[in-house]
Amino acid sequence: MKRISKDRYVIIYPQYFDSKLSRKNGRRIAKGLATSSPSLIRIKEACDKLGFRTMIESEKTYPRMSNTKSGRIIVFCNGLNKRSLIQEIGRILRGVGG
């Protein structure tokens, strides 16, 4: 299997967008953009809307919550940094812009 360069993809966990979590527990966006229990499918749809290719890994765990398999999404996004990507996905999940 060919290894992918780290600057070509970003790993996204649903916890980044969960309004029930504090920033300390893993939320990465403002509470106003966060949603309740975001699913991998909804996050993938938001990435598709932004025009990025994605890959879902449903058996992975979020490092801060290693007892729960929440999955993660690999987003192939040349040129966009992780913080900007997370903000854009959050806006689409909340229906703000996009």
N, C-alpha and C. Protein backbone atom coordinates (compact mmCIF):
# COMPACT_ATOMS: atom_id res chain seq x y z
N MET A 1 0.84 -1.18 0.00
CA MET A 1 0.00 0.00 0.00
C MET A 1 0.88 1.25 0.00
N LYS A 2 0.55 2.17 -0.85
CA LYS A 2 1.32 3.41 -0.97
C LYS A 2 0.99 4.35 0.19
N ARG A 3 2.00 4.90 0.81
CA ARG A 3 1.82 5.81 1.94
C ARG A 3 1.42 7.20 1.43
N ILE A 4 0.47 7.84 2.11
CA ILE A 4 -0.02 9.16 1.72
C ILE A 4 0.74 10.22 2.48
N SER A 5 1.16 11.27 1.78
CA SER A 5 1.86 12.38 2.42
C SER A 5 0.95 13.07 3.42
N LYS A 6 1.45 13.38 4.61
CA LYS A 6 0.66 13.97 5.69
C LYS A 6 0.06 15.33 5.32
N ASP A 7 0.70 16.09 4.45
CA ASP A 7 0.17 17.40 4.09
C ASP A 7 -1.00 17.31 3.10
N ARG A 8 -1.34 16.14 2.65
CA ARG A 8 -2.42 15.98 1.69
C ARG A 8 -3.75 15.58 2.33
N TYR A 9 -3.74 15.17 3.58
CA TYR A 9 -5.00 14.76 4.22
C TYR A 9 -5.07 15.24 5.67
N VAL A 10 -6.29 15.25 6.17
CA VAL A 10 -6.56 15.66 7.55
C VAL A 10 -7.50 14.61 8.14
N ILE A 11 -7.27 14.25 9.40
CA ILE A 11 -8.15 13.31 10.09
C ILE A 11 -9.14 14.10 10.94
N ILE A 12 -10.42 13.78 10.77
CA ILE A 12 -11.50 14.48 11.46
C ILE A 12 -12.27 13.48 12.31
N TYR A 13 -12.50 13.83 13.57
CA TYR A 13 -13.31 13.01 14.46
C TYR A 13 -14.64 13.72 14.73
N PRO A 14 -15.74 12.98 14.89
CA PRO A 14 -17.05 13.62 15.16
C PRO A 14 -17.04 14.46 16.44
N GLN A 15 -16.20 14.12 17.40
CA GLN A 15 -16.15 14.86 18.66
C GLN A 15 -15.79 16.33 18.45
N TYR A 16 -15.10 16.64 17.37
CA TYR A 16 -14.73 18.03 17.09
C TYR A 16 -15.95 18.94 16.97
N PHE A 17 -17.11 18.35 16.60
CA PHE A 17 -18.32 19.12 16.31
C PHE A 17 -19.43 18.91 17.33
N ASP A 18 -19.17 18.16 18.39
CA ASP A 18 -20.21 17.77 19.36
C ASP A 18 -20.46 18.87 20.40
N SER A 19 -21.66 19.43 20.38
CA SER A 19 -22.00 20.53 21.30
C SER A 19 -22.07 20.06 22.75
N LYS A 20 -22.19 18.76 22.98
CA LYS A 20 -22.26 18.24 24.35
C LYS A 20 -20.90 18.18 25.03
N LEU A 21 -19.84 18.30 24.23
CA LEU A 21 -18.49 18.22 24.78
C LEU A 21 -17.91 19.61 25.01
N SER A 22 -17.05 19.69 26.01
CA SER A 22 -16.31 20.94 26.22
C SER A 22 -15.09 20.94 25.31
N ARG A 23 -14.45 22.07 25.21
CA ARG A 23 -13.22 22.12 24.40
C ARG A 23 -12.16 21.20 25.02
N LYS A 24 -12.14 21.12 26.34
CA LYS A 24 -11.18 20.25 27.03
C LYS A 24 -11.39 18.78 26.65
N ASN A 25 -12.64 18.42 26.42
CA ASN A 25 -12.96 17.03 26.09
C ASN A 25 -12.95 16.73 24.59
N GLY A 26 -12.62 17.73 23.76
CA GLY A 26 -12.43 17.43 22.35
C GLY A 26 -13.13 18.29 21.32
N ARG A 27 -14.10 19.12 21.74
CA ARG A 27 -14.76 19.97 20.76
C ARG A 27 -13.75 20.98 20.25
N ARG A 28 -13.72 21.22 18.94
CA ARG A 28 -12.73 22.13 18.36
C ARG A 28 -13.33 23.37 17.73
N ILE A 29 -14.65 23.48 17.74
CA ILE A 29 -15.28 24.66 17.15
C ILE A 29 -16.13 25.36 18.19
N ALA A 30 -16.51 26.59 17.89
CA ALA A 30 -17.34 27.36 18.82
C ALA A 30 -18.66 26.63 19.05
N LYS A 31 -19.19 26.76 20.25
CA LYS A 31 -20.43 26.07 20.60
C LYS A 31 -21.57 26.45 19.66
N GLY A 32 -21.54 27.68 19.14
CA GLY A 32 -22.57 28.13 18.22
C GLY A 32 -22.56 27.39 16.89
N LEU A 33 -21.42 26.82 16.51
CA LEU A 33 -21.33 26.04 15.28
C LEU A 33 -21.44 24.54 15.52
N ALA A 34 -21.37 24.14 16.78
CA ALA A 34 -21.40 22.72 17.11
C ALA A 34 -22.82 22.16 17.03
N THR A 35 -22.92 20.85 16.83
CA THR A 35 -24.21 20.18 16.77
C THR A 35 -24.26 19.04 17.78
N SER A 36 -25.44 18.59 18.06
CA SER A 36 -25.61 17.51 19.02
C SER A 36 -25.40 16.17 18.31
N SER A 37 -24.47 15.39 18.80
CA SER A 37 -24.16 14.06 18.29
C SER A 37 -24.00 14.00 16.77
N PRO A 38 -22.99 14.67 16.23
CA PRO A 38 -22.77 14.63 14.77
C PRO A 38 -22.36 13.22 14.32
N SER A 39 -22.87 12.80 13.19
CA SER A 39 -22.56 11.46 12.68
C SER A 39 -21.47 11.52 11.61
N LEU A 40 -20.81 10.40 11.41
CA LEU A 40 -19.79 10.32 10.37
C LEU A 40 -20.40 10.61 9.00
N ILE A 41 -21.61 10.13 8.77
CA ILE A 41 -22.27 10.31 7.47
C ILE A 41 -22.53 11.79 7.22
N ARG A 42 -23.03 12.52 8.22
CA ARG A 42 -23.29 13.96 8.05
C ARG A 42 -22.00 14.73 7.81
N ILE A 43 -20.94 14.35 8.50
CA ILE A 43 -19.65 15.02 8.31
C ILE A 43 -19.12 14.71 6.91
N LYS A 44 -19.27 13.46 6.47
CA LYS A 44 -18.84 13.09 5.12
C LYS A 44 -19.62 13.89 4.08
N GLU A 45 -20.93 14.03 4.28
CA GLU A 45 -21.75 14.81 3.34
C GLU A 45 -21.30 16.27 3.29
N ALA A 46 -20.92 16.82 4.44
CA ALA A 46 -20.42 18.20 4.48
C ALA A 46 -19.11 18.31 3.69
N CYS A 47 -18.24 17.32 3.84
CA CYS A 47 -16.98 17.32 3.09
C CYS A 47 -17.24 17.19 1.59
N ASP A 48 -18.21 16.35 1.24
CA ASP A 48 -18.58 16.19 -0.18
C ASP A 48 -19.08 17.52 -0.74
N LYS A 49 -19.88 18.22 0.06
CA LYS A 49 -20.41 19.52 -0.36
C LYS A 49 -19.28 20.53 -0.59
N LEU A 50 -18.22 20.41 0.21
CA LEU A 50 -17.05 21.28 0.05
C LEU A 50 -16.15 20.84 -1.10
N GLY A 51 -16.43 19.66 -1.65
CA GLY A 51 -15.68 19.18 -2.81
C GLY A 51 -14.44 18.36 -2.48
N PHE A 52 -14.39 17.79 -1.28
CA PHE A 52 -13.23 16.99 -0.88
C PHE A 52 -13.55 15.51 -0.94
N ARG A 53 -12.57 14.73 -1.31
CA ARG A 53 -12.68 13.28 -1.30
C ARG A 53 -12.45 12.82 0.14
N THR A 54 -13.22 11.82 0.57
CA THR A 54 -13.13 11.35 1.95
C THR A 54 -13.06 9.83 2.02
N MET A 55 -12.67 9.36 3.20
CA MET A 55 -12.67 7.94 3.48
C MET A 55 -13.08 7.76 4.94
N ILE A 56 -14.09 6.95 5.20
CA ILE A 56 -14.57 6.71 6.57
C ILE A 56 -13.87 5.49 7.15
N GLU A 57 -13.40 5.64 8.39
CA GLU A 57 -12.83 4.53 9.15
C GLU A 57 -13.69 4.37 10.41
N SER A 58 -14.68 3.50 10.34
CA SER A 58 -15.66 3.41 11.42
C SER A 58 -15.17 2.67 12.67
N GLU A 59 -14.10 1.92 12.57
CA GLU A 59 -13.62 1.16 13.73
C GLU A 59 -12.58 1.89 14.57
N LYS A 60 -12.28 3.12 14.24
CA LYS A 60 -11.27 3.89 14.97
C LYS A 60 -11.88 4.58 16.18
N THR A 61 -11.03 4.89 17.16
CA THR A 61 -11.48 5.59 18.36
C THR A 61 -10.81 6.95 18.47
N TYR A 62 -11.54 7.88 19.07
CA TYR A 62 -10.98 9.20 19.34
C TYR A 62 -10.00 9.05 20.50
N PRO A 63 -8.78 9.53 20.37
CA PRO A 63 -7.76 9.30 21.41
C PRO A 63 -8.17 9.72 22.82
N ARG A 64 -8.96 10.77 22.97
CA ARG A 64 -9.37 11.21 24.31
C ARG A 64 -10.50 10.36 24.88
N MET A 65 -11.12 9.55 24.04
CA MET A 65 -12.22 8.68 24.47
C MET A 65 -11.97 7.29 23.91
N SER A 66 -10.91 6.68 24.33
CA SER A 66 -10.47 5.42 23.73
C SER A 66 -11.39 4.24 24.04
N ASN A 67 -12.38 4.41 24.89
CA ASN A 67 -13.30 3.32 25.21
C ASN A 67 -14.51 3.29 24.28
N THR A 68 -14.65 4.26 23.37
CA THR A 68 -15.79 4.33 22.47
C THR A 68 -15.32 4.40 21.03
N LYS A 69 -15.81 3.48 20.20
CA LYS A 69 -15.47 3.51 18.78
C LYS A 69 -16.43 4.44 18.06
N SER A 70 -15.98 5.66 17.82
CA SER A 70 -16.82 6.64 17.15
C SER A 70 -16.49 6.76 15.68
N GLY A 71 -15.34 6.27 15.28
CA GLY A 71 -14.90 6.37 13.90
C GLY A 71 -14.22 7.70 13.62
N ARG A 72 -13.74 7.83 12.40
CA ARG A 72 -13.10 9.06 11.97
C ARG A 72 -13.19 9.14 10.45
N ILE A 73 -12.92 10.33 9.94
CA ILE A 73 -12.95 10.54 8.50
C ILE A 73 -11.61 11.10 8.07
N ILE A 74 -11.08 10.54 7.02
CA ILE A 74 -9.87 11.07 6.41
C ILE A 74 -10.33 11.94 5.25
N VAL A 75 -9.93 13.21 5.29
CA VAL A 75 -10.32 14.16 4.25
C VAL A 75 -9.07 14.53 3.45
N PHE A 76 -9.14 14.30 2.16
CA PHE A 76 -8.03 14.64 1.27
C PHE A 76 -8.24 16.07 0.79
N CYS A 77 -7.48 16.99 1.37
CA CYS A 77 -7.70 18.42 1.10
C CYS A 77 -6.36 19.13 0.92
N ASN A 78 -5.90 19.17 -0.29
CA ASN A 78 -4.65 19.87 -0.58
C ASN A 78 -4.81 21.36 -0.33
N GLY A 79 -3.93 21.92 0.47
CA GLY A 79 -3.88 23.36 0.63
C GLY A 79 -4.72 23.95 1.76
N LEU A 80 -5.72 23.26 2.27
CA LEU A 80 -6.56 23.81 3.34
C LEU A 80 -6.08 23.25 4.67
N ASN A 81 -5.85 24.12 5.65
CA ASN A 81 -5.37 23.61 6.94
C ASN A 81 -6.53 23.02 7.76
N LYS A 82 -6.18 22.26 8.77
CA LYS A 82 -7.16 21.52 9.55
C LYS A 82 -8.16 22.45 10.24
N ARG A 83 -7.69 23.52 10.82
CA ARG A 83 -8.58 24.44 11.54
C ARG A 83 -9.62 25.04 10.61
N SER A 84 -9.21 25.49 9.44
CA SER A 84 -10.13 26.06 8.47
C SER A 84 -11.14 25.02 7.99
N LEU A 85 -10.66 23.80 7.76
CA LEU A 85 -11.54 22.73 7.32
C LEU A 85 -12.61 22.43 8.37
N ILE A 86 -12.20 22.33 9.63
CA ILE A 86 -13.14 22.05 10.72
C ILE A 86 -14.19 23.16 10.81
N GLN A 87 -13.78 24.41 10.68
CA GLN A 87 -14.72 25.54 10.73
C GLN A 87 -15.74 25.44 9.59
N GLU A 88 -15.28 25.14 8.38
CA GLU A 88 -16.16 25.03 7.23
C GLU A 88 -17.16 23.89 7.39
N ILE A 89 -16.68 22.75 7.86
CA ILE A 89 -17.57 21.60 8.10
C ILE A 89 -18.61 21.95 9.16
N GLY A 90 -18.18 22.62 10.23
CA GLY A 90 -19.11 23.04 11.29
C GLY A 90 -20.20 23.96 10.77
N ARG A 91 -19.85 24.89 9.89
CA ARG A 91 -20.84 25.81 9.30
C ARG A 91 -21.88 25.03 8.49
N ILE A 92 -21.42 24.07 7.73
CA ILE A 92 -22.35 23.28 6.91
C ILE A 92 -23.24 22.42 7.80
N LEU A 93 -22.68 21.82 8.84
CA LEU A 93 -23.47 20.99 9.75
C LEU A 93 -24.57 21.80 10.43
N ARG A 94 -24.28 23.05 10.76
CA ARG A 94 -25.27 23.92 11.41
C ARG A 94 -26.17 24.63 10.41
N GLY A 95 -25.83 24.54 9.13
CA GLY A 95 -26.64 25.21 8.12
C GLY A 95 -26.34 26.68 8.01
N VAL A 96 -25.15 27.11 8.47
CA VAL A 96 -24.74 28.52 8.39
C VAL A 96 -23.84 28.66 7.19
N GLY A 97 -24.28 29.34 6.18
CA GLY A 97 -23.46 29.51 4.98
C GLY A 97 -23.30 28.20 4.24
N GLY A 98 -22.37 28.19 3.28
CA GLY A 98 -22.09 26.98 2.53
C GLY A 98 -23.23 26.59 1.69
